[in-house]
Amino acid sequence: MSKPPLCPLILNGTLRSRAGVVLFAMVAGYLPFHSGSNKQELCNKILRGAYTLPDFISVELSDLLRRMLTVDPNHRITIAEV
């Protein structure tokens, strides 16, 4: 059985974070935050916003994903801006 993906939504309750994680996964084929089986390390990566964008995505999509996955909800892109 696969584990449910953790995303910033679970930790800070924002819809935009989840949308960024879903978009990242759709484009990259994997989740932005991962750390094997170490849940504490995974949570730390999510809280820090520590992920690496794939090289093959466009500059425009990279910018959108960075803005959607911004940790601070006060600085994150809004749904209207997306």
N, C-alpha and C. Protein backbone atom coordinates (compact mmCIF):
# COMPACT_ATOMS: atom_id res chain seq x y z
N MET A 1 0.84 -1.18 0.00
CA MET A 1 0.00 0.00 0.00
C MET A 1 0.88 1.24 0.00
N SER A 2 0.60 2.18 -0.88
CA SER A 2 1.42 3.40 -0.95
C SER A 2 1.02 4.37 0.15
N LYS A 3 1.98 5.17 0.56
CA LYS A 3 1.74 6.16 1.61
C LYS A 3 1.11 7.40 1.00
N PRO A 4 0.21 8.07 1.73
CA PRO A 4 -0.36 9.31 1.20
C PRO A 4 0.72 10.40 1.19
N PRO A 5 0.71 11.24 0.15
CA PRO A 5 1.74 12.28 0.09
C PRO A 5 1.51 13.35 1.14
N LEU A 6 2.59 13.77 1.77
CA LEU A 6 2.52 14.90 2.68
C LEU A 6 2.81 16.16 1.89
N CYS A 7 2.15 17.23 2.21
CA CYS A 7 2.42 18.49 1.55
C CYS A 7 2.21 19.62 2.54
N PRO A 8 2.61 20.83 2.21
CA PRO A 8 2.45 21.94 3.14
C PRO A 8 1.03 22.13 3.64
N LEU A 9 0.04 21.69 2.89
CA LEU A 9 -1.35 21.79 3.33
C LEU A 9 -1.55 21.11 4.68
N ILE A 10 -0.96 19.96 4.85
CA ILE A 10 -1.12 19.19 6.08
C ILE A 10 -0.51 19.95 7.25
N LEU A 11 0.55 20.68 7.00
CA LEU A 11 1.27 21.35 8.07
C LEU A 11 0.81 22.77 8.34
N ASN A 12 0.29 23.46 7.31
CA ASN A 12 -0.12 24.84 7.58
C ASN A 12 -1.48 25.21 7.00
N GLY A 13 -2.21 24.24 6.46
CA GLY A 13 -3.59 24.43 6.09
C GLY A 13 -3.91 25.35 4.94
N THR A 14 -3.13 25.35 3.87
CA THR A 14 -3.43 26.24 2.75
C THR A 14 -3.64 25.46 1.47
N LEU A 15 -4.67 25.82 0.72
CA LEU A 15 -5.00 25.17 -0.54
C LEU A 15 -3.91 25.38 -1.58
N ARG A 16 -3.31 26.55 -1.64
CA ARG A 16 -2.31 26.85 -2.67
C ARG A 16 -1.12 25.91 -2.56
N SER A 17 -0.73 25.54 -1.35
CA SER A 17 0.40 24.63 -1.19
C SER A 17 0.10 23.29 -1.83
N ARG A 18 -1.09 22.78 -1.60
CA ARG A 18 -1.47 21.49 -2.18
C ARG A 18 -1.48 21.58 -3.70
N ALA A 19 -2.01 22.64 -4.25
CA ALA A 19 -2.04 22.80 -5.70
C ALA A 19 -0.64 22.80 -6.28
N GLY A 20 0.30 23.44 -5.61
CA GLY A 20 1.69 23.46 -6.06
C GLY A 20 2.31 22.08 -6.04
N VAL A 21 2.02 21.30 -5.01
CA VAL A 21 2.54 19.94 -4.91
C VAL A 21 1.95 19.07 -6.02
N VAL A 22 0.66 19.21 -6.27
CA VAL A 22 0.01 18.43 -7.33
C VAL A 22 0.57 18.81 -8.70
N LEU A 23 0.71 20.11 -8.97
CA LEU A 23 1.26 20.55 -10.24
C LEU A 23 2.69 20.04 -10.42
N PHE A 24 3.50 20.15 -9.38
CA PHE A 24 4.87 19.65 -9.42
C PHE A 24 4.88 18.17 -9.78
N ALA A 25 4.05 17.37 -9.10
CA ALA A 25 4.00 15.93 -9.34
C ALA A 25 3.54 15.60 -10.75
N MET A 26 2.58 16.37 -11.26
CA MET A 26 2.10 16.13 -12.62
C MET A 26 3.19 16.38 -13.66
N VAL A 27 3.98 17.41 -13.44
CA VAL A 27 5.02 17.78 -14.40
C VAL A 27 6.27 16.91 -14.23
N ALA A 28 6.70 16.74 -12.99
CA ALA A 28 7.97 16.06 -12.73
C ALA A 28 7.83 14.53 -12.68
N GLY A 29 6.65 14.06 -12.28
CA GLY A 29 6.47 12.62 -12.14
C GLY A 29 6.83 12.10 -10.76
N TYR A 30 7.12 12.99 -9.85
CA TYR A 30 7.42 12.62 -8.46
C TYR A 30 7.07 13.82 -7.58
N LEU A 31 6.95 13.59 -6.29
CA LEU A 31 6.61 14.66 -5.35
C LEU A 31 7.81 15.54 -5.06
N PRO A 32 7.57 16.82 -4.78
CA PRO A 32 8.70 17.72 -4.52
C PRO A 32 9.43 17.43 -3.21
N PHE A 33 8.73 16.91 -2.24
CA PHE A 33 9.32 16.65 -0.93
C PHE A 33 9.37 15.15 -0.70
N HIS A 34 10.56 14.63 -0.47
CA HIS A 34 10.72 13.20 -0.21
C HIS A 34 11.99 12.98 0.59
N SER A 35 11.98 11.89 1.37
CA SER A 35 13.17 11.58 2.17
C SER A 35 13.21 10.11 2.57
N GLY A 36 12.72 9.25 1.72
CA GLY A 36 12.70 7.83 2.08
C GLY A 36 11.67 7.58 3.16
N SER A 37 12.06 6.89 4.20
CA SER A 37 11.11 6.55 5.27
C SER A 37 11.25 7.43 6.50
N ASN A 38 12.12 8.44 6.46
CA ASN A 38 12.34 9.31 7.61
C ASN A 38 11.30 10.43 7.63
N LYS A 39 10.25 10.25 8.42
CA LYS A 39 9.14 11.21 8.46
C LYS A 39 9.56 12.57 9.02
N GLN A 40 10.45 12.58 9.99
CA GLN A 40 10.90 13.85 10.56
C GLN A 40 11.67 14.66 9.53
N GLU A 41 12.54 14.00 8.77
CA GLU A 41 13.29 14.69 7.72
C GLU A 41 12.33 15.21 6.65
N LEU A 42 11.33 14.42 6.31
CA LEU A 42 10.33 14.85 5.34
C LEU A 42 9.60 16.10 5.82
N CYS A 43 9.16 16.10 7.05
CA CYS A 43 8.48 17.27 7.62
C CYS A 43 9.40 18.49 7.62
N ASN A 44 10.66 18.29 7.96
CA ASN A 44 11.61 19.40 7.95
C ASN A 44 11.78 19.97 6.55
N LYS A 45 11.86 19.11 5.53
CA LYS A 45 11.98 19.59 4.16
C LYS A 45 10.74 20.39 3.75
N ILE A 46 9.57 19.91 4.14
CA ILE A 46 8.33 20.62 3.81
C ILE A 46 8.31 21.98 4.48
N LEU A 47 8.64 22.02 5.76
CA LEU A 47 8.62 23.29 6.50
C LEU A 47 9.66 24.28 5.99
N ARG A 48 10.78 23.79 5.48
CA ARG A 48 11.82 24.66 4.92
C ARG A 48 11.57 24.98 3.45
N GLY A 49 10.70 24.21 2.81
CA GLY A 49 10.48 24.38 1.38
C GLY A 49 11.67 23.88 0.58
N ALA A 50 12.28 22.80 1.03
CA ALA A 50 13.49 22.26 0.40
C ALA A 50 13.12 21.23 -0.67
N TYR A 51 13.22 21.64 -1.93
CA TYR A 51 12.96 20.75 -3.06
C TYR A 51 13.83 21.22 -4.22
N THR A 52 13.98 20.35 -5.21
CA THR A 52 14.77 20.68 -6.40
C THR A 52 13.87 20.54 -7.62
N LEU A 53 13.84 21.58 -8.43
CA LEU A 53 13.05 21.54 -9.65
C LEU A 53 13.80 20.76 -10.72
N PRO A 54 13.07 19.98 -11.53
CA PRO A 54 13.73 19.26 -12.62
C PRO A 54 14.29 20.23 -13.66
N ASP A 55 15.36 19.85 -14.31
CA ASP A 55 16.01 20.70 -15.32
C ASP A 55 15.17 20.91 -16.57
N PHE A 56 14.26 20.00 -16.86
CA PHE A 56 13.54 20.04 -18.13
C PHE A 56 12.33 20.98 -18.15
N ILE A 57 11.96 21.58 -17.02
CA ILE A 57 10.79 22.45 -17.04
C ILE A 57 11.19 23.87 -17.43
N SER A 58 10.23 24.59 -17.99
CA SER A 58 10.50 25.94 -18.49
C SER A 58 10.76 26.92 -17.35
N VAL A 59 11.34 28.04 -17.69
CA VAL A 59 11.59 29.11 -16.72
C VAL A 59 10.27 29.60 -16.14
N GLU A 60 9.25 29.72 -17.01
CA GLU A 60 7.95 30.21 -16.55
C GLU A 60 7.30 29.25 -15.56
N LEU A 61 7.37 27.96 -15.85
CA LEU A 61 6.79 26.98 -14.93
C LEU A 61 7.60 26.91 -13.64
N SER A 62 8.91 27.02 -13.73
CA SER A 62 9.75 27.04 -12.53
C SER A 62 9.34 28.20 -11.63
N ASP A 63 9.12 29.36 -12.23
CA ASP A 63 8.71 30.53 -11.47
C ASP A 63 7.36 30.30 -10.80
N LEU A 64 6.40 29.74 -11.55
CA LEU A 64 5.08 29.47 -10.99
C LEU A 64 5.17 28.48 -9.83
N LEU A 65 5.90 27.41 -10.00
CA LEU A 65 6.03 26.41 -8.93
C LEU A 65 6.69 27.01 -7.71
N ARG A 66 7.74 27.79 -7.89
CA ARG A 66 8.40 28.43 -6.74
C ARG A 66 7.43 29.33 -5.99
N ARG A 67 6.62 30.07 -6.74
CA ARG A 67 5.65 30.97 -6.12
C ARG A 67 4.54 30.20 -5.43
N MET A 68 4.14 29.06 -5.98
CA MET A 68 3.09 28.24 -5.37
C MET A 68 3.59 27.47 -4.15
N LEU A 69 4.87 27.11 -4.15
CA LEU A 69 5.43 26.31 -3.05
C LEU A 69 6.15 27.16 -2.01
N THR A 70 5.99 28.46 -2.08
CA THR A 70 6.58 29.35 -1.07
C THR A 70 6.04 28.98 0.31
N VAL A 71 6.91 28.82 1.26
CA VAL A 71 6.52 28.36 2.60
C VAL A 71 5.63 29.37 3.32
N ASP A 72 5.99 30.62 3.30
CA ASP A 72 5.23 31.65 4.01
C ASP A 72 3.96 31.98 3.23
N PRO A 73 2.78 31.66 3.77
CA PRO A 73 1.54 31.91 3.05
C PRO A 73 1.30 33.39 2.74
N ASN A 74 1.91 34.27 3.49
CA ASN A 74 1.77 35.71 3.23
C ASN A 74 2.53 36.15 1.99
N HIS A 75 3.49 35.35 1.57
CA HIS A 75 4.29 35.66 0.38
C HIS A 75 3.99 34.73 -0.80
N ARG A 76 3.12 33.77 -0.58
CA ARG A 76 2.77 32.79 -1.62
C ARG A 76 1.81 33.41 -2.63
N ILE A 77 1.88 32.97 -3.85
CA ILE A 77 1.00 33.42 -4.92
C ILE A 77 -0.46 33.09 -4.55
N THR A 78 -1.39 33.93 -4.94
CA THR A 78 -2.80 33.66 -4.66
C THR A 78 -3.41 32.84 -5.79
N ILE A 79 -4.57 32.28 -5.55
CA ILE A 79 -5.26 31.52 -6.59
C ILE A 79 -5.56 32.43 -7.79
N ALA A 80 -5.96 33.65 -7.55
CA ALA A 80 -6.25 34.60 -8.63
C ALA A 80 -4.99 34.86 -9.46
N GLU A 81 -3.83 34.94 -8.83
CA GLU A 81 -2.58 35.17 -9.55
C GLU A 81 -2.15 33.94 -10.35
N VAL A 82 -2.50 32.76 -9.85
CA VAL A 82 -2.17 31.53 -10.59
C VAL A 82 -2.92 31.55 -11.90
